[in-house]
PDB file of N, CA and C in Angstrom:
ATOM      1  N   MET A   1     260.715 -18.081  35.183  1.00  0.00           N
ATOM      2  CA  MET A   1     261.864 -18.409  36.005  1.00  0.00           C
ATOM      3  C   MET A   1     262.070 -19.920  35.986  1.00  0.00           C
ATOM      4  N   VAL A   2     263.327 -20.337  35.826  1.00  0.00           N
ATOM      5  CA  VAL A   2     263.669 -21.755  35.757  1.00  0.00           C
ATOM      6  C   VAL A   2     264.148 -22.188  37.138  1.00  0.00           C
ATOM      7  N   GLU A   3     263.573 -23.241  37.605  1.00  0.00           N
ATOM      8  CA  GLU A   3     263.958 -23.762  38.917  1.00  0.00           C
ATOM      9  C   GLU A   3     265.065 -24.792  38.733  1.00  0.00           C
ATOM     10  N   GLN A   4     266.116 -24.727  39.535  1.00  0.00           N
ATOM     11  CA  GLN A   4     267.228 -25.672  39.428  1.00  0.00           C
ATOM     12  C   GLN A   4     267.167 -26.688  40.564  1.00  0.00           C
ATOM     13  N   SER A   5     267.445 -27.910  40.206  1.00  0.00           N
ATOM     14  CA  SER A   5     267.498 -28.942  41.240  1.00  0.00           C
ATOM     15  C   SER A   5     268.867 -28.904  41.901  1.00  0.00           C
ATOM     16  N   GLU A   6     269.022 -29.676  42.960  1.00  0.00           N
ATOM     17  CA  GLU A   6     270.315 -29.771  43.649  1.00  0.00           C
ATOM     18  C   GLU A   6     271.418 -30.214  42.686  1.00  0.00           C
ATOM     19  N   GLU A   7     271.083 -31.077  41.726  1.00  0.00           N
ATOM     20  CA  GLU A   7     272.090 -31.626  40.809  1.00  0.00           C
ATOM     21  C   GLU A   7     272.581 -30.601  39.808  1.00  0.00           C
ATOM     22  N   THR A   8     271.763 -29.600  39.461  1.00  0.00           N
ATOM     23  CA  THR A   8     272.153 -28.656  38.421  1.00  0.00           C
ATOM     24  C   THR A   8     272.632 -27.325  38.969  1.00  0.00           C
ATOM     25  N   ARG A   9     272.522 -27.105  40.248  1.00  0.00           N
ATOM     26  CA  ARG A   9     272.987 -25.840  40.823  1.00  0.00           C
ATOM     27  C   ARG A   9     274.509 -25.796  40.820  1.00  0.00           C
ATOM     28  N   GLY A  10     275.053 -24.650  40.539  1.00  0.00           N
ATOM     29  CA  GLY A  10     276.499 -24.462  40.581  1.00  0.00           C
ATOM     30  C   GLY A  10     276.943 -24.213  42.005  1.00  0.00           C
ATOM     31  N   GLY A  11     278.190 -24.433  42.263  1.00  0.00           N
ATOM     32  CA  GLY A  11     278.689 -24.190  43.609  1.00  0.00           C
ATOM     33  C   GLY A  11     280.179 -24.440  43.658  1.00  0.00           C
ATOM     34  N   THR A  12     280.728 -24.131  44.763  1.00  0.00           N
ATOM     35  CA  THR A  12     282.151 -24.370  44.945  1.00  0.00           C
ATOM     36  C   THR A  12     282.364 -25.186  46.205  1.00  0.00           C
ATOM     37  N   ALA A  13     283.475 -25.840  46.242  1.00  0.00           N
ATOM     38  CA  ALA A  13     283.849 -26.620  47.414  1.00  0.00           C
ATOM     39  C   ALA A  13     285.340 -26.439  47.644  1.00  0.00           C
ATOM     40  N   THR A  14     285.721 -26.542  48.852  1.00  0.00           N
ATOM     41  CA  THR A  14     287.135 -26.440  49.194  1.00  0.00           C
ATOM     42  C   THR A  14     287.639 -27.837  49.531  1.00  0.00           C
ATOM     43  N   ILE A  15     288.702 -28.195  48.868  1.00  0.00           N
ATOM     44  CA  ILE A  15     289.328 -29.489  49.142  1.00  0.00           C
ATOM     45  C   ILE A  15     290.651 -29.207  49.832  1.00  0.00           C
ATOM     46  N   GLU A  16     290.816 -29.765  50.998  1.00  0.00           N
ATOM     47  CA  GLU A  16     292.065 -29.572  51.723  1.00  0.00           C
ATOM     48  C   GLU A  16     293.000 -30.724  51.440  1.00  0.00           C
ATOM     49  N   ARG A  17     294.240 -30.395  51.194  1.00  0.00           N
ATOM     50  CA  ARG A  17     295.252 -31.403  50.904  1.00  0.00           C
ATOM     51  C   ARG A  17     296.428 -31.181  51.837  1.00  0.00           C
ATOM     52  N   THR A  18     296.867 -32.251  52.430  1.00  0.00           N
ATOM     53  CA  THR A  18     298.013 -32.170  53.317  1.00  0.00           C
ATOM     54  C   THR A  18     299.252 -32.589  52.539  1.00  0.00           C
ATOM     55  N   GLU A  19     300.219 -31.701  52.479  1.00  0.00           N
ATOM     56  CA  GLU A  19     301.464 -32.018  51.784  1.00  0.00           C
ATOM     57  C   GLU A  19     302.515 -32.395  52.806  1.00  0.00           C
ATOM     58  N   THR A  20     303.227 -33.450  52.499  1.00  0.00           N
ATOM     59  CA  THR A  20     304.341 -33.833  53.358  1.00  0.00           C
ATOM     60  C   THR A  20     305.615 -33.734  52.540  1.00  0.00           C
ATOM     61  N   THR A  21     306.591 -33.093  53.099  1.00  0.00           N
ATOM     62  CA  THR A  21     307.869 -32.970  52.421  1.00  0.00           C
ATOM     63  C   THR A  21     308.965 -33.476  53.334  1.00  0.00           C
ATOM     64  N   GLN A  22     309.956 -34.111  52.741  1.00  0.00           N
ATOM     65  CA  GLN A  22     311.120 -34.554  53.491  1.00  0.00           C
ATOM     66  C   GLN A  22     312.321 -33.816  52.940  1.00  0.00           C
ATOM     67  N   SER A  23     313.173 -33.402  53.839  1.00  0.00           N
ATOM     68  CA  SER A  23     314.385 -32.761  53.345  1.00  0.00           C
ATOM     69  C   SER A  23     315.348 -33.868  52.912  1.00  0.00           C
ATOM     70  N   VAL A  24     315.567 -33.915  51.624  1.00  0.00           N
ATOM     71  CA  VAL A  24     316.426 -34.937  51.047  1.00  0.00           C
ATOM     72  C   VAL A  24     317.480 -34.224  50.217  1.00  0.00           C
ATOM     73  N   GLU A  25     318.695 -34.641  50.368  1.00  0.00           N
ATOM     74  CA  GLU A  25     319.781 -34.018  49.632  1.00  0.00           C
ATOM     75  C   GLU A  25     320.070 -34.779  48.346  1.00  0.00           C
ATOM     76  N   ALA A  26     320.775 -34.146  47.451  1.00  0.00           N
ATOM     77  CA  ALA A  26     321.124 -34.769  46.174  1.00  0.00           C
ATOM     78  C   ALA A  26     321.853 -36.082  46.406  1.00  0.00           C
ATOM     79  N   GLY A  27     321.446 -37.114  45.687  1.00  0.00           N
ATOM     80  CA  GLY A  27     322.074 -38.419  45.800  1.00  0.00           C
ATOM     81  C   GLY A  27     321.485 -39.296  46.885  1.00  0.00           C
ATOM     82  N   ASP A  28     320.540 -38.770  47.667  1.00  0.00           N
ATOM     83  CA  ASP A  28     319.966 -39.550  48.761  1.00  0.00           C
ATOM     84  C   ASP A  28     319.184 -40.758  48.274  1.00  0.00           C
ATOM     85  N   HIS A  29     318.698 -40.724  47.037  1.00  0.00           N
ATOM     86  CA  HIS A  29     317.917 -41.845  46.524  1.00  0.00           C
ATOM     87  C   HIS A  29     318.754 -43.115  46.408  1.00  0.00           C
ATOM     88  N   GLU A  30     320.060 -42.987  46.388  1.00  0.00           N
ATOM     89  CA  GLU A  30     320.918 -44.169  46.290  1.00  0.00           C
ATOM     90  C   GLU A  30     321.619 -44.490  47.607  1.00  0.00           C
ATOM     91  N   ARG A  31     321.133 -43.947  48.679  1.00  0.00           N
ATOM     92  CA  ARG A  31     321.737 -44.156  49.998  1.00  0.00           C
ATOM     93  C   ARG A  31     320.928 -45.151  50.814  1.00  0.00           C
ATOM     94  N   PHE A  32     321.617 -45.782  51.745  1.00  0.00           N
ATOM     95  CA  PHE A  32     320.978 -46.724  52.648  1.00  0.00           C
ATOM     96  C   PHE A  32     321.395 -46.418  54.074  1.00  0.00           C
ATOM     97  N   ALA A  33     320.631 -46.914  55.029  1.00  0.00           N
ATOM     98  CA  ALA A  33     321.025 -46.902  56.433  1.00  0.00           C
ATOM     99  C   ALA A  33     321.821 -48.180  56.657  1.00  0.00           C
ATOM    100  N   HIS A  34     323.051 -48.038  57.117  1.00  0.00           N
ATOM    101  CA  HIS A  34     323.946 -49.186  57.279  1.00  0.00           C
ATOM    102  C   HIS A  34     324.059 -49.593  58.742  1.00  0.00           C
ATOM    103  N   TYR A  35     324.399 -50.861  58.960  1.00  0.00           N
ATOM    104  CA  TYR A  35     324.597 -51.379  60.308  1.00  0.00           C
ATOM    105  C   TYR A  35     326.054 -51.185  60.722  1.00  0.00           C
ATOM    106  N   VAL A  36     326.227 -50.515  61.868  1.00  0.00           N
ATOM    107  CA  VAL A  36     327.549 -50.264  62.440  1.00  0.00           C
ATOM    108  C   VAL A  36     327.400 -50.384  63.956  1.00  0.00           C
ATOM    109  N   GLN A  37     328.439 -50.838  64.649  1.00  0.00           N
ATOM    110  CA  GLN A  37     328.392 -50.918  66.106  1.00  0.00           C
ATOM    111  C   GLN A  37     328.161 -49.527  66.690  1.00  0.00           C
ATOM    112  N   LYS A  38     327.276 -49.450  67.691  1.00  0.00           N
ATOM    113  CA  LYS A  38     326.946 -48.157  68.305  1.00  0.00           C
ATOM    114  C   LYS A  38     328.186 -47.439  68.825  1.00  0.00           C
ATOM    115  N   GLU A  39     329.104 -48.210  69.427  1.00  0.00           N
ATOM    116  CA  GLU A  39     330.322 -47.596  69.971  1.00  0.00           C
ATOM    117  C   GLU A  39     331.116 -46.899  68.866  1.00  0.00           C
ATOM    118  N   LYS A  40     331.137 -47.514  67.691  1.00  0.00           N
ATOM    119  CA  LYS A  40     331.885 -46.943  66.564  1.00  0.00           C
ATOM    120  C   LYS A  40     331.236 -45.648  66.072  1.00  0.00           C
ATOM    121  N   ILE A  41     329.900 -45.605  66.112  1.00  0.00           N
ATOM    122  CA  ILE A  41     329.183 -44.383  65.714  1.00  0.00           C
ATOM    123  C   ILE A  41     329.545 -43.242  66.662  1.00  0.00           C
ATOM    124  N   MET A  42     329.552 -43.544  67.969  1.00  0.00           N
ATOM    125  CA  MET A  42     329.894 -42.521  68.962  1.00  0.00           C
ATOM    126  C   MET A  42     331.335 -42.042  68.786  1.00  0.00           C
ATOM    127  N   GLU A  43     332.246 -42.989  68.580  1.00  0.00           N
ATOM    128  CA  GLU A  43     333.648 -42.618  68.352  1.00  0.00           C
ATOM    129  C   GLU A  43     333.774 -41.721  67.129  1.00  0.00           C
ATOM    130  N   SER A  44     333.063 -42.071  66.070  1.00  0.00           N
ATOM    131  CA  SER A  44     333.115 -41.296  64.836  1.00  0.00           C
ATOM    132  C   SER A  44     332.564 -39.890  65.045  1.00  0.00           C
ATOM    133  N   ALA A  45     331.485 -39.794  65.829  1.00  0.00           N
ATOM    134  CA  ALA A  45     330.893 -38.483  66.101  1.00  0.00           C
ATOM    135  C   ALA A  45     331.879 -37.573  66.832  1.00  0.00           C
ATOM    136  N   LEU A  46     332.678 -38.164  67.715  1.00  0.00           N
ATOM    137  CA  LEU A  46     333.637 -37.375  68.487  1.00  0.00           C
ATOM    138  C   LEU A  46     334.928 -37.092  67.729  1.00  0.00           C
ATOM    139  N   SER A  47     335.382 -38.088  66.962  1.00  0.00           N
ATOM    140  CA  SER A  47     336.686 -37.956  66.314  1.00  0.00           C
ATOM    141  C   SER A  47     336.618 -37.533  64.846  1.00  0.00           C
ATOM    142  N   GLY A  48     335.477 -37.778  64.203  1.00  0.00           N
ATOM    143  CA  GLY A  48     335.372 -37.469  62.773  1.00  0.00           C
ATOM    144  C   GLY A  48     335.931 -38.567  61.888  1.00  0.00           C
ATOM    145  N   GLU A  49     336.388 -39.656  62.519  1.00  0.00           N
ATOM    146  CA  GLU A  49     336.938 -40.786  61.764  1.00  0.00           C
ATOM    147  C   GLU A  49     335.809 -41.571  61.092  1.00  0.00           C
ATOM    148  N   PRO A  50     336.060 -42.119  59.909  1.00  0.00           N
ATOM    149  CA  PRO A  50     335.027 -42.926  59.242  1.00  0.00           C
ATOM    150  C   PRO A  50     334.783 -44.252  59.956  1.00  0.00           C
ATOM    151  N   VAL A  51     333.634 -44.854  59.689  1.00  0.00           N
ATOM    152  CA  VAL A  51     333.265 -46.153  60.244  1.00  0.00           C
ATOM    153  C   VAL A  51     333.144 -47.156  59.099  1.00  0.00           C
ATOM    154  N   ILE A  52     333.122 -48.444  59.454  1.00  0.00           N
ATOM    155  CA  ILE A  52     332.967 -49.495  58.451  1.00  0.00           C
ATOM    156  C   ILE A  52     331.690 -50.253  58.770  1.00  0.00           C
ATOM    157  N   ALA A  53     330.757 -50.270  57.819  1.00  0.00           N
ATOM    158  CA  ALA A  53     329.488 -50.974  57.987  1.00  0.00           C
ATOM    159  C   ALA A  53     329.695 -52.468  57.786  1.00  0.00           C
ATOM    160  N   LEU A  54     328.702 -53.262  58.174  1.00  0.00           N
ATOM    161  CA  LEU A  54     328.783 -54.714  57.994  1.00  0.00           C
ATOM    162  C   LEU A  54     328.964 -55.104  56.532  1.00  0.00           C
ATOM    163  N   CYS A  55     328.448 -54.276  55.622  1.00  0.00           N
ATOM    164  CA  CYS A  55     328.566 -54.578  54.194  1.00  0.00           C
ATOM    165  C   CYS A  55     329.928 -54.184  53.628  1.00  0.00           C
ATOM    166  N   GLY A  56     330.726 -53.463  54.430  1.00  0.00           N
ATOM    167  CA  GLY A  56     332.045 -53.047  53.980  1.00  0.00           C
ATOM    168  C   GLY A  56     332.136 -51.582  53.587  1.00  0.00           C
ATOM    169  N   LYS A  57     331.016 -50.881  53.544  1.00  0.00           N
ATOM    170  CA  LYS A  57     331.052 -49.466  53.184  1.00  0.00           C
ATOM    171  C   LYS A  57     331.787 -48.677  54.259  1.00  0.00           C
ATOM    172  N   VAL A  58     332.670 -47.783  53.823  1.00  0.00           N
ATOM    173  CA  VAL A  58     333.425 -46.919  54.728  1.00  0.00           C
ATOM    174  C   VAL A  58     332.950 -45.488  54.502  1.00  0.00           C
ATOM    175  N   TRP A  59     332.505 -44.823  55.566  1.00  0.00           N
ATOM    176  CA  TRP A  59     332.046 -43.447  55.445  1.00  0.00           C
ATOM    177  C   TRP A  59     331.985 -42.801  56.811  1.00  0.00           C
ATOM    178  N   THR A  60     331.839 -41.481  56.827  1.00  0.00           N
ATOM    179  CA  THR A  60     331.667 -40.740  58.068  1.00  0.00           C
ATOM    180  C   THR A  60     330.186 -40.425  58.210  1.00  0.00           C
ATOM    181  N   PRO A  61     329.517 -41.007  59.209  1.00  0.00           N
ATOM    182  CA  PRO A  61     328.078 -40.782  59.373  1.00  0.00           C
ATOM    183  C   PRO A  61     327.759 -39.314  59.612  1.00  0.00           C
ATOM    184  N   GLY A  62     326.657 -38.878  59.027  1.00  0.00           N
ATOM    185  CA  GLY A  62     326.264 -37.493  59.230  1.00  0.00           C
ATOM    186  C   GLY A  62     324.792 -37.241  58.953  1.00  0.00           C
ATOM    187  N   ARG A  63     324.093 -38.247  58.443  1.00  0.00           N
ATOM    188  CA  ARG A  63     322.671 -38.078  58.127  1.00  0.00           C
ATOM    189  C   ARG A  63     321.816 -38.963  59.028  1.00  0.00           C
ATOM    190  N   ASP A  64     320.551 -38.612  59.131  1.00  0.00           N
ATOM    191  CA  ASP A  64     319.610 -39.379  59.938  1.00  0.00           C
ATOM    192  C   ASP A  64     319.300 -40.689  59.230  1.00  0.00           C
ATOM    193  N   PRO A  65     319.699 -41.833  59.794  1.00  0.00           N
ATOM    194  CA  PRO A  65     319.482 -43.114  59.124  1.00  0.00           C
ATOM    195  C   PRO A  65     318.007 -43.488  58.997  1.00  0.00           C
ATOM    196  N   LYS A  66     317.140 -42.847  59.775  1.00  0.00           N
ATOM    197  CA  LYS A  66     315.709 -43.152  59.705  1.00  0.00           C
ATOM    198  C   LYS A  66     315.091 -42.701  58.386  1.00  0.00           C
ATOM    199  N   LYS A  67     315.791 -41.847  57.652  1.00  0.00           N
ATOM    200  CA  LYS A  67     315.279 -41.345  56.373  1.00  0.00           C
ATOM    201  C   LYS A  67     315.540 -42.295  55.215  1.00  0.00           C
ATOM    202  N   PHE A  68     316.290 -43.373  55.466  1.00  0.00           N
ATOM    203  CA  PHE A  68     316.714 -44.243  54.379  1.00  0.00           C
ATOM    204  C   PHE A  68     316.365 -45.697  54.655  1.00  0.00           C
ATOM    205  N   PRO A  69     316.201 -46.471  53.602  1.00  0.00           N
ATOM    206  CA  PRO A  69     315.954 -47.908  53.802  1.00  0.00           C
ATOM    207  C   PRO A  69     317.222 -48.600  54.278  1.00  0.00           C
ATOM    208  N   VAL A  70     317.049 -49.728  54.948  1.00  0.00           N
ATOM    209  CA  VAL A  70     318.196 -50.489  55.455  1.00  0.00           C
ATOM    210  C   VAL A  70     318.944 -51.116  54.283  1.00  0.00           C
ATOM    211  N   CYS A  71     320.249 -51.062  54.347  1.00  0.00           N
ATOM    212  CA  CYS A  71     321.110 -51.667  53.326  1.00  0.00           C
ATOM    213  C   CYS A  71     320.842 -53.172  53.301  1.00  0.00           C
ATOM    214  N   PRO A  72     320.465 -53.714  52.143  1.00  0.00           N
ATOM    215  CA  PRO A  72     320.168 -55.147  52.085  1.00  0.00           C
ATOM    216  C   PRO A  72     321.375 -56.029  52.415  1.00  0.00           C
ATOM    217  N   GLU A  73     322.568 -55.579  52.047  1.00  0.00           N
ATOM    218  CA  GLU A  73     323.774 -56.367  52.352  1.00  0.00           C
ATOM    219  C   GLU A  73     324.050 -56.381  53.854  1.00  0.00           C
ATOM    220  N   CYS A  74     323.909 -55.226  54.505  1.00  0.00           N
ATOM    221  CA  CYS A  74     324.102 -55.166  55.958  1.00  0.00           C
ATOM    222  C   CYS A  74     323.090 -56.061  56.661  1.00  0.00           C
ATOM    223  N   LYS A  75     321.842 -56.007  56.222  1.00  0.00           N
ATOM    224  CA  LYS A  75     320.792 -56.812  56.843  1.00  0.00           C
ATOM    225  C   LYS A  75     321.088 -58.294  56.683  1.00  0.00           C
ATOM    226  N   GLU A  76     321.562 -58.693  55.510  1.00  0.00           N
ATOM    227  CA  GLU A  76     321.893 -60.100  55.270  1.00  0.00           C
ATOM    228  C   GLU A  76     323.014 -60.561  56.191  1.00  0.00           C
ATOM    229  N   VAL A  77     324.065 -59.744  56.325  1.00  0.00           N
ATOM    230  CA  VAL A  77     325.185 -60.095  57.208  1.00  0.00           C
ATOM    231  C   VAL A  77     324.712 -60.151  58.661  1.00  0.00           C
ATOM    232  N   TYR A  78     323.926 -59.164  59.076  1.00  0.00           N
ATOM    233  CA  TYR A  78     323.414 -59.109  60.451  1.00  0.00           C
ATOM    234  C   TYR A  78     322.567 -60.347  60.752  1.00  0.00           C
ATOM    235  N   ASP A  79     321.655 -60.688  59.837  1.00  0.00           N
ATOM    236  CA  ASP A  79     320.804 -61.843  60.042  1.00  0.00           C
ATOM    237  C   ASP A  79     321.601 -63.135  60.138  1.00  0.00           C
ATOM    238  N   SER A  80     322.678 -63.245  59.348  1.00  0.00           N
ATOM    239  CA  SER A  80     323.500 -64.458  59.393  1.00  0.00           C
ATOM    240  C   SER A  80     324.278 -64.542  60.705  1.00  0.00           C
ATOM    241  N   LEU A  81     324.656 -63.388  61.266  1.00  0.00           N
ATOM    242  CA  LEU A  81     325.379 -63.364  62.545  1.00  0.00           C
ATOM    243  C   LEU A  81     324.447 -63.678  63.721  1.00  0.00           C
ATOM    244  N   MET A  82     323.198 -63.244  63.617  1.00  0.00           N
ATOM    245  CA  MET A  82     322.252 -63.398  64.712  1.00  0.00           C
ATOM    246  C   MET A  82     321.463 -64.706  64.629  1.00  0.00           C
ATOM    247  N   GLY A  83     321.483 -65.356  63.491  1.00  0.00           N
ATOM    248  CA  GLY A  83     320.585 -66.471  63.357  1.00  0.00           C
ATOM    249  C   GLY A  83     321.195 -67.782  63.238  1.00  0.00           C
TER     250      GLY A  83
END
């Protein structure tokens, strides 16, 4: 009979992996979170009218801005206004 050391014994192990998924729609990779006055966001939510961001983008908000990076142009304009 052959004796096996700890190093040569076979065995199995379970590796747990946590997967995180974000619901992202087509084209989201080219989207940014834009700066708009809060009042304008509320008006848009009620009326469906588009808003104008500090960078000049015109759109009707509908996605969670926390899922996207801040628009560099909006941030630059905001910083120049505040600083």
